[in-house]
Amino acid sequence: MKKIYVFAGVAVLAMGLTYCSSSKKASKTAAVPKTTYSNVSTVIAGNCAPCHIPSKGGNKKPYDNYANVKADIDKVIHRIELNPTDKGFMPFKKTEKLPPDVIAVFKKFKEDGALEN
C-alpha cells in the first residue's frame, strides 16, 4: 500500500514540475519590444547634442526628427562604428567610441524597421 502512495506522490510531483517548466519556456518566448524613434531620440539627445540638435546650437544635419534619422540610419551606424582616428568618426571631437549598448540601440532601430512609434 505504501508503494502506491509513493508512486502517486512522485507522479503528482512530476506533473507539477512539468507545468512549472513549460511556464518558464513561455516567458522566454515573450515578444521583445521593438526599438522606435522614441528610443533613438533619447540616445541622440544624450550623445549627439549640440551638433545635431538645432535648438541646442547645432549646425549639422538635425537628428531631432524621425524623417532625418530614418533616412540616414545606415550612415549614422557606419560613422559611430568607425575608430576615433578614422575620418568621419562620430561623435565628433570625442576620443572614444560610443558604448556598445548605445550603438546597439541604433542597430536595433534599423533591424526593427526604423519605426516611428
N, C-alpha and C. Protein backbone atom coordinates (compact mmCIF):
# COMPACT_ATOMS: atom_id res chain seq x y z
N MET A 1 0.82 -1.18 0.00
CA MET A 1 0.00 0.00 0.00
C MET A 1 0.87 1.25 0.00
N LYS A 2 1.99 1.24 0.77
CA LYS A 2 2.89 2.40 0.82
C LYS A 2 3.46 2.68 -0.57
N LYS A 3 3.71 1.64 -1.35
CA LYS A 3 4.28 1.81 -2.69
C LYS A 3 3.33 2.60 -3.58
N ILE A 4 2.04 2.38 -3.43
CA ILE A 4 1.05 3.10 -4.24
C ILE A 4 1.06 4.58 -3.90
N TYR A 5 1.13 4.91 -2.60
CA TYR A 5 1.17 6.30 -2.18
C TYR A 5 2.45 6.99 -2.65
N VAL A 6 3.55 6.29 -2.55
CA VAL A 6 4.82 6.85 -3.01
C VAL A 6 4.77 7.09 -4.51
N PHE A 7 4.27 6.10 -5.24
CA PHE A 7 4.16 6.24 -6.70
C PHE A 7 3.23 7.41 -7.06
N ALA A 8 2.11 7.52 -6.39
CA ALA A 8 1.16 8.61 -6.66
C ALA A 8 1.80 9.96 -6.33
N GLY A 9 2.54 10.02 -5.23
CA GLY A 9 3.21 11.27 -4.86
C GLY A 9 4.24 11.69 -5.89
N VAL A 10 5.02 10.73 -6.37
CA VAL A 10 6.03 11.02 -7.39
C VAL A 10 5.36 11.47 -8.69
N ALA A 11 4.25 10.84 -9.05
CA ALA A 11 3.54 11.21 -10.27
C ALA A 11 3.01 12.65 -10.18
N VAL A 12 2.43 13.00 -9.03
CA VAL A 12 1.91 14.36 -8.84
C VAL A 12 3.05 15.37 -8.89
N LEU A 13 4.18 15.04 -8.23
CA LEU A 13 5.33 15.93 -8.25
C LEU A 13 5.86 16.11 -9.67
N ALA A 14 5.95 15.04 -10.42
CA ALA A 14 6.44 15.12 -11.81
C ALA A 14 5.51 15.99 -12.66
N MET A 15 4.22 15.84 -12.49
CA MET A 15 3.27 16.66 -13.26
C MET A 15 3.40 18.13 -12.87
N GLY A 16 3.58 18.40 -11.59
CA GLY A 16 3.73 19.77 -11.13
C GLY A 16 4.99 20.41 -11.70
N LEU A 17 6.09 19.68 -11.71
CA LEU A 17 7.32 20.21 -12.27
C LEU A 17 7.22 20.41 -13.77
N THR A 18 6.48 19.56 -14.43
CA THR A 18 6.29 19.72 -15.87
C THR A 18 5.60 21.03 -16.17
N TYR A 19 4.57 21.37 -15.42
CA TYR A 19 3.86 22.62 -15.66
C TYR A 19 4.73 23.84 -15.33
N CYS A 20 5.54 23.74 -14.30
CA CYS A 20 6.45 24.84 -13.97
C CYS A 20 7.45 25.07 -15.09
N SER A 21 7.94 23.99 -15.63
CA SER A 21 8.93 24.08 -16.70
C SER A 21 8.33 24.73 -17.94
N SER A 22 7.11 24.36 -18.31
CA SER A 22 6.53 24.93 -19.53
C SER A 22 6.21 26.41 -19.36
N SER A 23 5.90 26.86 -18.15
CA SER A 23 5.62 28.28 -17.96
C SER A 23 6.89 29.10 -18.12
N LYS A 24 8.02 28.53 -17.73
CA LYS A 24 9.28 29.24 -17.92
C LYS A 24 9.60 29.36 -19.41
N LYS A 25 9.31 28.33 -20.16
CA LYS A 25 9.55 28.37 -21.60
C LYS A 25 8.68 29.44 -22.25
N ALA A 26 7.46 29.55 -21.80
CA ALA A 26 6.55 30.54 -22.38
C ALA A 26 7.05 31.95 -22.12
N SER A 27 7.60 32.19 -20.94
CA SER A 27 8.08 33.54 -20.65
C SER A 27 9.33 33.88 -21.45
N LYS A 28 10.13 32.87 -21.81
CA LYS A 28 11.33 33.12 -22.61
C LYS A 28 10.98 33.50 -24.04
N THR A 29 9.84 33.05 -24.51
CA THR A 29 9.45 33.34 -25.89
C THR A 29 8.57 34.58 -25.99
N ALA A 30 8.43 35.31 -24.90
CA ALA A 30 7.61 36.53 -24.94
C ALA A 30 8.23 37.52 -25.92
N ALA A 31 7.37 38.28 -26.54
CA ALA A 31 7.81 39.23 -27.56
C ALA A 31 8.69 40.32 -26.95
N VAL A 32 9.79 40.61 -27.62
CA VAL A 32 10.68 41.68 -27.21
C VAL A 32 10.18 42.96 -27.86
N PRO A 33 10.02 44.03 -27.09
CA PRO A 33 9.51 45.27 -27.69
C PRO A 33 10.46 45.79 -28.77
N LYS A 34 9.88 46.37 -29.78
CA LYS A 34 10.67 46.92 -30.89
C LYS A 34 11.23 48.28 -30.50
N THR A 35 12.39 48.58 -31.06
CA THR A 35 13.02 49.87 -30.83
C THR A 35 12.46 50.86 -31.84
N THR A 36 12.01 51.99 -31.36
CA THR A 36 11.39 53.00 -32.21
C THR A 36 12.20 54.30 -32.15
N TYR A 37 11.75 55.27 -32.91
CA TYR A 37 12.41 56.58 -32.90
C TYR A 37 12.44 57.18 -31.51
N SER A 38 11.43 56.92 -30.72
CA SER A 38 11.40 57.43 -29.35
C SER A 38 12.63 56.97 -28.57
N ASN A 39 13.01 55.69 -28.72
CA ASN A 39 14.21 55.17 -28.05
C ASN A 39 15.47 55.82 -28.60
N VAL A 40 15.54 55.95 -29.91
CA VAL A 40 16.72 56.50 -30.56
C VAL A 40 16.85 57.99 -30.25
N SER A 41 15.75 58.71 -30.20
CA SER A 41 15.82 60.15 -29.95
C SER A 41 16.41 60.45 -28.58
N THR A 42 16.15 59.60 -27.63
CA THR A 42 16.74 59.76 -26.29
C THR A 42 18.26 59.62 -26.35
N VAL A 43 18.72 58.63 -27.10
CA VAL A 43 20.16 58.41 -27.25
C VAL A 43 20.80 59.58 -28.01
N ILE A 44 20.12 60.05 -29.05
CA ILE A 44 20.62 61.18 -29.83
C ILE A 44 20.74 62.42 -28.95
N ALA A 45 19.71 62.69 -28.16
CA ALA A 45 19.73 63.87 -27.29
C ALA A 45 20.90 63.81 -26.30
N GLY A 46 21.24 62.62 -25.85
CA GLY A 46 22.31 62.49 -24.87
C GLY A 46 23.71 62.42 -25.46
N ASN A 47 23.82 62.05 -26.74
CA ASN A 47 25.14 61.82 -27.32
C ASN A 47 25.47 62.64 -28.56
N CYS A 48 24.48 63.24 -29.17
CA CYS A 48 24.72 63.94 -30.44
C CYS A 48 24.48 65.45 -30.35
N ALA A 49 24.09 65.89 -29.18
CA ALA A 49 23.89 67.33 -28.97
C ALA A 49 25.23 67.95 -28.60
N PRO A 50 25.47 69.16 -28.93
CA PRO A 50 24.57 70.11 -29.56
C PRO A 50 24.63 70.08 -31.08
N CYS A 51 25.57 69.34 -31.67
CA CYS A 51 25.78 69.43 -33.12
C CYS A 51 24.57 69.06 -33.95
N HIS A 52 23.85 67.99 -33.58
CA HIS A 52 22.74 67.52 -34.40
C HIS A 52 21.38 67.86 -33.80
N ILE A 53 21.37 68.76 -32.84
CA ILE A 53 20.12 69.23 -32.23
C ILE A 53 20.09 70.74 -32.41
N PRO A 54 19.38 71.24 -33.42
CA PRO A 54 19.41 72.68 -33.74
C PRO A 54 19.04 73.59 -32.57
N SER A 55 18.10 73.17 -31.76
CA SER A 55 17.69 74.04 -30.65
C SER A 55 18.79 74.21 -29.61
N LYS A 56 19.81 73.37 -29.69
CA LYS A 56 20.94 73.48 -28.75
C LYS A 56 22.15 74.11 -29.41
N GLY A 57 21.96 74.71 -30.56
CA GLY A 57 23.03 75.45 -31.21
C GLY A 57 23.78 74.68 -32.29
N GLY A 58 23.25 73.55 -32.69
CA GLY A 58 23.94 72.73 -33.69
C GLY A 58 23.80 73.28 -35.09
N ASN A 59 24.79 72.97 -35.92
CA ASN A 59 24.74 73.43 -37.31
C ASN A 59 24.90 72.27 -38.29
N LYS A 60 24.85 71.05 -37.81
CA LYS A 60 24.91 69.86 -38.67
C LYS A 60 23.49 69.45 -39.02
N LYS A 61 23.37 68.39 -39.85
CA LYS A 61 22.04 67.90 -40.20
C LYS A 61 21.30 67.54 -38.91
N PRO A 62 20.09 68.06 -38.74
CA PRO A 62 19.36 67.81 -37.49
C PRO A 62 18.83 66.38 -37.40
N TYR A 63 19.06 65.78 -36.24
CA TYR A 63 18.51 64.45 -35.96
C TYR A 63 17.50 64.51 -34.82
N ASP A 64 16.85 65.65 -34.71
CA ASP A 64 15.79 65.80 -33.73
C ASP A 64 14.42 65.50 -34.35
N ASN A 65 14.45 64.84 -35.52
CA ASN A 65 13.19 64.46 -36.16
C ASN A 65 13.33 63.08 -36.80
N TYR A 66 12.24 62.37 -36.82
CA TYR A 66 12.20 61.00 -37.30
C TYR A 66 12.66 60.86 -38.75
N ALA A 67 12.19 61.72 -39.63
CA ALA A 67 12.49 61.60 -41.06
C ALA A 67 13.99 61.61 -41.35
N ASN A 68 14.72 62.50 -40.71
CA ASN A 68 16.17 62.59 -40.95
C ASN A 68 16.91 61.37 -40.40
N VAL A 69 16.51 60.92 -39.23
CA VAL A 69 17.17 59.75 -38.63
C VAL A 69 16.90 58.51 -39.48
N LYS A 70 15.66 58.33 -39.89
CA LYS A 70 15.32 57.17 -40.72
C LYS A 70 16.10 57.21 -42.03
N ALA A 71 16.18 58.37 -42.66
CA ALA A 71 16.87 58.50 -43.94
C ALA A 71 18.37 58.22 -43.82
N ASP A 72 18.95 58.56 -42.68
CA ASP A 72 20.40 58.47 -42.51
C ASP A 72 20.87 57.34 -41.59
N ILE A 73 19.99 56.42 -41.21
CA ILE A 73 20.36 55.43 -40.20
C ILE A 73 21.59 54.61 -40.60
N ASP A 74 21.72 54.24 -41.86
CA ASP A 74 22.91 53.48 -42.29
C ASP A 74 24.18 54.32 -42.11
N LYS A 75 24.11 55.57 -42.49
CA LYS A 75 25.24 56.48 -42.36
C LYS A 75 25.60 56.71 -40.89
N VAL A 76 24.59 56.87 -40.05
CA VAL A 76 24.81 57.08 -38.62
C VAL A 76 25.53 55.87 -38.03
N ILE A 77 25.01 54.68 -38.31
CA ILE A 77 25.63 53.46 -37.78
C ILE A 77 27.06 53.33 -38.26
N HIS A 78 27.28 53.58 -39.54
CA HIS A 78 28.64 53.49 -40.08
C HIS A 78 29.59 54.43 -39.34
N ARG A 79 29.17 55.66 -39.14
CA ARG A 79 30.06 56.66 -38.55
C ARG A 79 30.31 56.43 -37.07
N ILE A 80 29.33 55.93 -36.33
CA ILE A 80 29.57 55.68 -34.91
C ILE A 80 30.36 54.40 -34.67
N GLU A 81 30.46 53.56 -35.70
CA GLU A 81 31.27 52.35 -35.58
C GLU A 81 32.72 52.55 -36.01
N LEU A 82 33.02 53.69 -36.62
CA LEU A 82 34.41 53.98 -37.00
C LEU A 82 35.28 54.12 -35.76
N ASN A 83 36.57 53.99 -35.95
CA ASN A 83 37.51 54.24 -34.86
C ASN A 83 37.70 55.75 -34.72
N PRO A 84 38.01 56.21 -33.52
CA PRO A 84 38.17 57.66 -33.30
C PRO A 84 39.20 58.33 -34.21
N THR A 85 40.15 57.56 -34.72
CA THR A 85 41.17 58.15 -35.60
C THR A 85 40.74 58.16 -37.07
N ASP A 86 39.62 57.53 -37.40
CA ASP A 86 39.14 57.48 -38.78
C ASP A 86 38.42 58.76 -39.17
N LYS A 87 38.58 59.13 -40.43
CA LYS A 87 37.86 60.31 -40.95
C LYS A 87 36.36 60.02 -40.94
N GLY A 88 35.60 60.96 -40.43
CA GLY A 88 34.15 60.80 -40.38
C GLY A 88 33.65 60.22 -39.08
N PHE A 89 34.54 59.88 -38.16
CA PHE A 89 34.14 59.31 -36.87
C PHE A 89 33.18 60.24 -36.13
N MET A 90 32.16 59.65 -35.57
CA MET A 90 31.22 60.37 -34.72
C MET A 90 31.13 59.64 -33.40
N PRO A 91 30.94 60.32 -32.33
CA PRO A 91 30.71 61.74 -32.19
C PRO A 91 32.00 62.55 -32.37
N PHE A 92 31.86 63.59 -33.14
CA PHE A 92 32.96 64.48 -33.50
C PHE A 92 33.66 65.00 -32.25
N LYS A 93 34.97 65.08 -32.32
CA LYS A 93 35.83 65.60 -31.26
C LYS A 93 35.87 64.72 -30.00
N LYS A 94 35.32 63.52 -30.06
CA LYS A 94 35.41 62.60 -28.94
C LYS A 94 36.60 61.67 -29.17
N THR A 95 37.16 61.18 -28.12
CA THR A 95 38.33 60.30 -28.25
C THR A 95 37.97 58.83 -28.06
N GLU A 96 36.70 58.55 -27.77
CA GLU A 96 36.24 57.18 -27.59
C GLU A 96 34.96 56.94 -28.38
N LYS A 97 34.77 55.68 -28.77
CA LYS A 97 33.52 55.30 -29.42
C LYS A 97 32.39 55.32 -28.38
N LEU A 98 31.19 55.39 -28.88
CA LEU A 98 30.04 55.25 -28.00
C LEU A 98 30.06 53.83 -27.44
N PRO A 99 29.51 53.62 -26.26
CA PRO A 99 29.48 52.27 -25.69
C PRO A 99 28.69 51.31 -26.60
N PRO A 100 29.05 50.04 -26.59
CA PRO A 100 28.37 49.06 -27.45
C PRO A 100 26.86 49.02 -27.26
N ASP A 101 26.37 49.21 -26.04
CA ASP A 101 24.93 49.17 -25.82
C ASP A 101 24.22 50.37 -26.45
N VAL A 102 24.91 51.48 -26.56
CA VAL A 102 24.34 52.66 -27.22
C VAL A 102 24.30 52.44 -28.74
N ILE A 103 25.38 51.91 -29.29
CA ILE A 103 25.41 51.59 -30.73
C ILE A 103 24.33 50.56 -31.05
N ALA A 104 24.11 49.63 -30.13
CA ALA A 104 23.10 48.59 -30.34
C ALA A 104 21.69 49.17 -30.48
N VAL A 105 21.42 50.30 -29.84
CA VAL A 105 20.10 50.94 -29.96
C VAL A 105 19.86 51.35 -31.41
N PHE A 106 20.86 51.96 -32.03
CA PHE A 106 20.73 52.37 -33.44
C PHE A 106 20.56 51.15 -34.35
N LYS A 107 21.33 50.10 -34.10
CA LYS A 107 21.25 48.89 -34.93
C LYS A 107 19.89 48.22 -34.79
N LYS A 108 19.39 48.15 -33.56
CA LYS A 108 18.08 47.52 -33.34
C LYS A 108 16.98 48.34 -33.97
N PHE A 109 17.10 49.66 -33.92
CA PHE A 109 16.13 50.54 -34.58
C PHE A 109 16.05 50.18 -36.07
N LYS A 110 17.20 50.02 -36.69
CA LYS A 110 17.24 49.66 -38.11
C LYS A 110 16.66 48.26 -38.33
N GLU A 111 17.10 47.29 -37.53
CA GLU A 111 16.63 45.90 -37.66
C GLU A 111 15.12 45.80 -37.49
N ASP A 112 14.57 46.60 -36.59
CA ASP A 112 13.14 46.55 -36.32
C ASP A 112 12.30 47.30 -37.35
N GLY A 113 12.97 47.89 -38.36
CA GLY A 113 12.23 48.54 -39.43
C GLY A 113 12.18 50.04 -39.33
N ALA A 114 13.00 50.64 -38.48
CA ALA A 114 13.05 52.10 -38.32
C ALA A 114 11.64 52.67 -38.11
N LEU A 115 11.00 52.17 -37.05
CA LEU A 115 9.63 52.57 -36.74
C LEU A 115 9.58 53.92 -36.06
N GLU A 116 8.53 54.68 -36.37
CA GLU A 116 8.40 56.00 -35.75
C GLU A 116 7.94 55.88 -34.30
N ASN A 117 6.92 55.11 -34.04
CA ASN A 117 6.42 54.92 -32.66
C ASN A 117 6.09 53.48 -32.44
